[in-house]
Amino acid sequence: MTERTKVTVRVPATSANLGPGFDTLGLALGLYDEVEASLFTPDGSRTGTVEIAVSGEGAGELDQGEGHLIVRTMRTTFERMGLPQPHGIRLNCLNRIPHARGLGSSSAAICAGVLAARALAGTSPLSDDDVFALATEIEGHPDNVAPCLAGGLTVAWTDRSNTPHMLKLVPHADIRPVAIVPRQRLSTEVARGLLPESVPHADASANAGRAALLVAALTVRPERELLLAATEDRLHQDYRAPAMPRTADLVQRLRGIGVPAVVSGAGPTILAFSTVDTQDLIAPEVGTDWLIQPLDVETRGARVVSPETR
């Protein structure tokens, strides 16, 4: 089935929503998981054999068999390509992206699984658009998948035929994301379950304007006042606040001193945009209970790598 028996895929963390761009905007971040995936024939030709080693985030916690998200994604991808399932799948996962914190760990795993299976298949019928569509189908939403695969700042949407699309934009060189990561976790399902079925028209209108302004601020004019106005949200953050009161409080305090801060994805991580006149304001306000992690914007997205290119 394969021309290659082992590949390594590098996938970045992502931050979705970015405040007003609910289920639409996403940013790839310079924090990576690496997955070495290989196929093998077990002794006795037993089918469905899985061997998984995990270091870093999720070590000792994640499923060690067929239930592992990357394994499930790889098997779905082989099926979608019309190929037989491999006898054995071996994974060596180096996880740096925090789990259940709003930094796209699940999307990263899904993208890694699809790309690993495609690479292992050699000549694959899956185009890049097919990879994006399949990853979105498995994840359920395109806003984290798009920046993970493409890198940079992405706008993602689904058309009336339920086909996902994305547009990649290049953030301004002065954009400096800072992830502020708490110890506690929060599942996306819990956070999404707090959202109302409908919102006031005025709130929807306000968010549409802020999302458009945010694209301009991130790509053309990354000024503090513009970023602060552009990251205002009325659609999801306040509704989710009861599930993460410390996050909501810190976002409010940071914004109160002029730092453009938002809930990253479904939370509880906070993403702040550091500027020359705010970079010294963040740490004193945050204190010691959170991990403050300045990050670069990842511009290339997920990819199969060799040892020389890591």
Protein backbone atom coordinates (compact mmCIF):
# COMPACT_ATOMS: atom_id res chain seq x y z
CA MET A 1 0.00 0.00 0.00
CA THR A 2 2.79 2.41 0.80
CA GLU A 3 5.84 3.94 -0.73
CA ARG A 4 6.89 5.25 2.71
CA THR A 5 6.73 3.37 6.02
CA LYS A 6 7.53 6.24 8.40
CA VAL A 7 6.76 9.97 8.38
CA THR A 8 7.00 12.81 10.87
CA VAL A 9 4.35 15.52 10.88
CA ARG A 10 4.72 18.85 12.66
CA VAL A 11 1.48 20.64 13.55
CA PRO A 12 1.07 24.06 15.19
CA ALA A 13 -1.16 25.26 17.97
CA THR A 14 -3.94 27.62 16.96
CA SER A 15 -6.19 30.22 18.49
CA ALA A 16 -9.70 30.47 17.10
CA ASN A 17 -12.28 33.25 17.25
CA LEU A 18 -9.76 35.95 18.29
CA GLY A 19 -12.64 37.74 20.01
CA PRO A 20 -15.28 38.74 17.46
CA GLY A 21 -14.50 36.20 14.71
CA PHE A 22 -16.59 33.40 16.21
CA ASP A 23 -16.17 30.11 14.27
CA THR A 24 -14.46 32.10 11.50
CA LEU A 25 -11.07 33.59 12.36
CA GLY A 26 -8.01 31.62 13.42
CA LEU A 27 -4.31 32.22 13.98
CA ALA A 28 -1.48 29.67 13.82
CA LEU A 29 1.00 29.88 16.70
CA GLY A 30 4.62 28.87 17.08
CA LEU A 31 4.02 25.97 19.44
CA TYR A 32 4.12 22.49 17.93
CA ASP A 33 3.24 18.84 18.36
CA GLU A 34 5.35 16.34 16.43
CA VAL A 35 3.98 12.96 15.43
CA GLU A 36 6.11 10.18 14.02
CA ALA A 37 3.80 7.68 12.36
CA SER A 38 4.80 4.36 10.85
CA LEU A 39 3.14 1.26 9.48
CA PHE A 40 4.28 -2.27 10.27
CA THR A 41 3.25 -5.89 10.06
CA PRO A 42 2.92 -7.36 13.55
CA ASP A 43 4.17 -10.85 14.39
CA GLY A 44 1.58 -13.35 13.20
CA SER A 45 0.12 -10.72 10.83
CA ARG A 46 -2.42 -9.62 13.42
CA THR A 47 -4.54 -6.80 12.08
CA GLY A 48 -5.55 -3.70 13.95
CA THR A 49 -2.43 -3.56 16.10
CA VAL A 50 -1.60 -0.12 17.53
CA GLU A 51 1.50 0.94 19.43
CA ILE A 52 1.57 4.47 20.87
CA ALA A 53 4.20 6.35 22.85
CA VAL A 54 3.32 9.81 24.17
CA SER A 55 5.64 12.31 25.80
CA GLY A 56 4.73 15.78 27.02
CA GLU A 57 1.09 16.82 27.19
CA GLY A 58 -1.30 13.92 27.71
CA ALA A 59 1.37 11.38 28.66
CA GLY A 60 -0.27 8.71 30.80
CA GLU A 61 -3.74 10.08 30.03
CA LEU A 62 -4.48 9.54 26.35
CA ASP A 63 -5.97 6.38 24.87
CA GLN A 64 -3.21 3.94 23.94
CA GLY A 65 -5.21 2.05 21.33
CA GLU A 66 -7.78 2.43 18.59
CA GLY A 67 -9.50 5.21 20.49
CA HIS A 68 -6.55 7.59 20.09
CA LEU A 69 -7.68 10.56 17.98
CA ILE A 70 -4.74 10.34 15.57
CA VAL A 71 -5.29 6.62 15.00
CA ARG A 72 -9.00 7.14 14.39
CA THR A 73 -8.22 9.96 11.99
CA MET A 74 -5.64 7.92 10.10
CA ARG A 75 -8.06 5.04 9.68
CA THR A 76 -10.77 7.40 8.43
CA THR A 77 -8.29 8.88 5.97
CA PHE A 78 -7.18 5.47 4.64
CA GLU A 79 -10.84 4.59 4.17
CA ARG A 80 -11.53 7.89 2.40
CA MET A 81 -8.59 7.24 0.06
CA GLY A 82 -10.06 3.83 -0.79
CA LEU A 83 -7.08 1.98 0.67
CA PRO A 84 -7.03 -1.09 2.91
CA GLN A 85 -6.37 -0.54 6.58
CA PRO A 86 -2.74 -1.18 7.59
CA HIS A 87 -2.00 -4.20 9.77
CA GLY A 88 -0.23 -2.08 12.36
CA ILE A 89 0.10 1.62 13.21
CA ARG A 90 2.87 2.92 15.44
CA LEU A 91 2.85 6.49 16.79
CA ASN A 92 5.50 8.41 18.67
CA CYS A 93 3.90 11.66 19.82
CA LEU A 94 5.78 14.62 21.26
CA ASN A 95 3.01 16.89 22.54
CA ARG A 96 3.68 20.51 23.46
CA ILE A 97 0.21 21.99 22.85
CA PRO A 98 -1.78 22.11 26.11
CA HIS A 99 -4.88 19.92 26.07
CA ALA A 100 -8.40 21.27 26.63
CA ARG A 101 -7.12 24.84 26.96
CA GLY A 102 -8.39 26.48 23.76
CA LEU A 103 -5.17 26.16 21.75
CA GLY A 104 -6.36 23.69 19.12
CA SER A 105 -4.84 20.43 20.41
CA SER A 106 -7.64 18.32 18.94
CA SER A 107 -7.42 20.07 15.58
CA ALA A 108 -3.66 19.56 15.60
CA ALA A 109 -4.11 15.83 16.22
CA ILE A 110 -6.68 15.55 13.43
CA CYS A 111 -4.50 17.43 10.95
CA ALA A 112 -1.53 15.28 11.93
CA GLY A 113 -3.53 12.10 11.35
CA VAL A 114 -4.81 13.13 7.93
CA LEU A 115 -1.41 14.34 6.72
CA ALA A 116 0.41 11.28 8.08
CA ALA A 117 -1.97 8.87 6.39
CA ARG A 118 -1.75 10.76 3.08
CA ALA A 119 2.05 10.79 3.22
CA LEU A 120 2.24 7.10 4.10
CA ALA A 121 -0.04 6.27 1.20
CA GLY A 122 2.53 7.60 -1.27
CA THR A 123 0.48 8.45 -4.32
CA SER A 124 -2.69 9.81 -2.72
CA PRO A 125 -5.98 10.85 -4.25
CA LEU A 126 -6.35 13.54 -1.58
CA SER A 127 -5.62 17.11 -2.65
CA ASP A 128 -4.90 19.87 -0.12
CA ASP A 129 -8.54 20.94 -0.42
CA ASP A 130 -9.59 17.34 0.31
CA VAL A 131 -7.35 17.30 3.38
CA PHE A 132 -8.96 20.49 4.66
CA ALA A 133 -12.46 19.17 3.99
CA LEU A 134 -11.80 15.85 5.72
CA ALA A 135 -10.13 17.46 8.73
CA THR A 136 -13.07 19.86 9.04
CA GLU A 137 -15.53 16.98 8.78
CA ILE A 138 -13.80 15.13 11.61
CA GLU A 139 -13.33 18.23 13.78
CA GLY A 140 -16.77 19.69 13.13
CA HIS A 141 -15.63 23.28 12.55
CA PRO A 142 -13.04 24.81 10.22
CA ASP A 143 -11.78 27.69 12.37
CA ASN A 144 -8.93 25.78 14.07
CA VAL A 145 -8.28 23.35 11.22
CA ALA A 146 -7.69 26.15 8.68
CA PRO A 147 -4.80 27.92 10.45
CA CYS A 148 -3.31 24.61 11.55
CA LEU A 149 -3.04 23.45 7.94
CA ALA A 150 -2.31 26.76 6.21
CA GLY A 151 -0.51 28.81 8.86
CA GLY A 152 -0.89 32.54 9.36
CA LEU A 153 -4.23 34.23 9.87
CA THR A 154 -7.17 32.48 8.25
CA VAL A 155 -10.79 33.27 7.51
CA ALA A 156 -12.85 30.08 7.24
CA TRP A 157 -16.44 29.55 6.18
CA THR A 158 -18.81 26.85 4.94
CA ASP A 159 -20.95 27.35 1.86
CA ARG A 160 -24.56 26.27 1.34
CA SER A 161 -23.47 22.84 0.19
CA ASN A 162 -21.59 22.44 3.50
CA THR A 163 -18.22 22.65 1.78
CA PRO A 164 -15.56 24.38 3.90
CA HIS A 165 -13.37 27.14 2.45
CA MET A 166 -10.55 29.24 3.81
CA LEU A 167 -8.56 32.31 2.93
CA LYS A 168 -5.03 32.67 4.28
CA LEU A 169 -3.78 36.15 5.19
CA VAL A 170 -0.32 37.25 6.30
CA PRO A 171 -0.33 38.99 9.69
CA HIS A 172 1.73 42.13 10.10
CA ALA A 173 5.29 41.49 11.24
CA ASP A 174 4.64 43.46 14.45
CA ILE A 175 1.92 41.09 15.68
CA ARG A 176 3.13 39.51 18.93
CA PRO A 177 0.72 36.91 20.36
CA VAL A 178 1.01 35.97 24.01
CA ALA A 179 -0.75 32.87 25.32
CA ILE A 180 -1.73 33.08 28.99
CA VAL A 181 -2.43 29.48 29.98
CA PRO A 182 -4.16 28.40 33.22
CA ARG A 183 -3.71 25.06 34.95
CA GLN A 184 -7.37 24.09 34.72
CA ARG A 185 -8.92 22.62 31.61
CA LEU A 186 -12.26 23.17 29.91
CA SER A 187 -13.81 20.99 27.24
CA THR A 188 -15.03 22.63 24.06
CA GLU A 189 -18.35 20.81 24.42
CA VAL A 190 -19.00 22.37 27.83
CA ALA A 191 -18.08 25.85 26.60
CA ARG A 192 -20.17 25.55 23.45
CA GLY A 193 -23.11 24.24 25.44
CA LEU A 194 -23.40 27.59 27.22
CA LEU A 195 -24.10 29.52 24.02
CA PRO A 196 -27.68 30.63 23.33
CA GLU A 197 -29.50 29.51 20.19
CA SER A 198 -29.94 33.13 19.08
CA VAL A 199 -28.39 36.52 19.82
CA PRO A 200 -29.67 40.09 19.47
CA HIS A 201 -29.32 41.59 16.01
CA ALA A 202 -27.33 44.49 17.45
CA ASP A 203 -24.76 42.11 18.91
CA ALA A 204 -24.38 40.24 15.63
CA SER A 205 -23.96 43.51 13.78
CA ALA A 206 -21.37 44.76 16.26
CA ASN A 207 -19.34 41.57 15.95
CA ALA A 208 -19.42 41.66 12.16
CA GLY A 209 -17.92 45.14 12.22
CA ARG A 210 -15.31 44.22 14.82
CA ALA A 211 -14.26 41.09 12.93
CA ALA A 212 -13.70 43.12 9.76
CA LEU A 213 -11.74 45.68 11.75
CA LEU A 214 -9.67 42.94 13.37
CA VAL A 215 -8.55 41.57 9.99
CA ALA A 216 -7.36 45.07 9.08
CA ALA A 217 -5.64 45.57 12.44
CA LEU A 218 -3.83 42.23 12.30
CA THR A 219 -2.63 42.63 8.72
CA VAL A 220 -2.21 46.38 8.14
CA ARG A 221 -2.26 48.47 11.32
CA PRO A 222 -1.36 46.54 14.49
CA GLU A 223 -1.82 49.52 16.79
CA ARG A 224 -2.94 49.09 20.38
CA GLU A 225 -6.06 51.26 20.20
CA LEU A 226 -7.17 49.62 16.97
CA LEU A 227 -6.51 46.10 18.26
CA LEU A 228 -8.32 46.88 21.50
CA ALA A 229 -11.43 48.06 19.66
CA ALA A 230 -11.22 45.25 17.10
CA THR A 231 -11.11 42.45 19.69
CA GLU A 232 -14.40 43.38 21.36
CA ASP A 233 -16.90 40.50 21.39
CA ARG A 234 -20.60 40.14 22.14
CA LEU A 235 -21.37 36.68 20.76
CA HIS A 236 -19.66 34.10 22.95
CA GLN A 237 -17.23 35.24 25.65
CA ASP A 238 -19.75 36.62 28.15
CA TYR A 239 -21.98 33.57 27.74
CA ARG A 240 -19.06 31.25 28.47
CA ALA A 241 -17.80 33.25 31.45
CA PRO A 242 -19.59 31.13 34.13
CA ALA A 243 -17.51 28.12 33.05
CA MET A 244 -14.23 30.05 33.39
CA PRO A 245 -14.68 32.97 35.81
CA ARG A 246 -10.95 33.51 36.37
CA THR A 247 -10.38 33.75 32.62
CA ALA A 248 -13.25 36.19 32.21
CA ASP A 249 -11.97 38.31 35.09
CA LEU A 250 -8.41 38.43 33.75
CA VAL A 251 -9.56 39.30 30.22
CA GLN A 252 -11.56 42.19 31.66
CA ARG A 253 -8.64 43.42 33.77
CA LEU A 254 -6.15 43.22 30.91
CA ARG A 255 -8.48 45.07 28.60
CA GLY A 256 -9.05 47.63 31.33
CA ILE A 257 -5.37 48.58 31.26
CA GLY A 258 -5.26 48.69 27.47
CA VAL A 259 -4.07 45.18 26.55
CA PRO A 260 -5.98 43.64 23.59
CA ALA A 261 -6.92 40.30 25.21
CA VAL A 262 -9.48 37.65 24.23
CA VAL A 263 -10.48 34.14 25.16
CA SER A 264 -8.49 31.73 22.98
CA GLY A 265 -10.91 29.40 21.22
CA ALA A 266 -13.31 27.95 23.76
CA GLY A 267 -10.91 28.82 26.59
CA PRO A 268 -9.77 28.92 29.28
CA THR A 269 -6.48 30.18 27.78
CA ILE A 270 -6.26 33.91 27.05
CA LEU A 271 -4.60 35.29 23.93
CA ALA A 272 -3.20 38.80 24.19
CA PHE A 273 -1.63 40.89 21.48
CA SER A 274 1.47 42.51 22.91
CA THR A 275 2.50 45.89 21.55
CA VAL A 276 5.44 48.15 22.40
CA ASP A 277 3.38 50.06 24.93
CA THR A 278 1.67 47.04 26.55
CA GLN A 279 4.39 44.37 26.77
CA ASP A 280 5.36 45.38 30.32
CA LEU A 281 1.75 45.51 31.53
CA ILE A 282 0.82 41.85 31.14
CA ALA A 283 2.95 40.02 33.71
CA PRO A 284 2.10 42.19 36.75
CA GLU A 285 -1.62 41.83 36.06
CA VAL A 286 -1.45 38.07 35.49
CA GLY A 287 0.57 37.06 38.53
CA THR A 288 2.04 33.60 39.09
CA ASP A 289 -0.96 31.31 38.62
CA TRP A 290 -0.74 31.31 34.84
CA LEU A 291 1.91 30.38 32.28
CA ILE A 292 2.75 33.43 30.16
CA GLN A 293 4.03 32.21 26.81
CA PRO A 294 5.04 34.72 24.12
CA LEU A 295 4.72 33.01 20.74
CA ASP A 296 5.53 33.72 17.13
CA VAL A 297 2.91 33.52 14.41
CA GLU A 298 3.45 30.25 12.53
CA THR A 299 3.38 31.16 8.85
CA ARG A 300 3.67 27.78 7.10
CA GLY A 301 1.24 25.53 8.90
CA ALA A 302 1.28 21.76 9.34
CA ARG A 303 3.74 19.79 7.24
CA VAL A 304 5.63 16.56 6.85
CA VAL A 305 9.19 17.22 8.01
CA SER A 306 12.59 15.61 7.85
CA PRO A 307 15.05 15.78 10.78
CA GLU A 308 16.92 18.56 8.98
CA THR A 309 13.86 20.86 8.71
CA ARG A 310 12.51 20.71 12.26
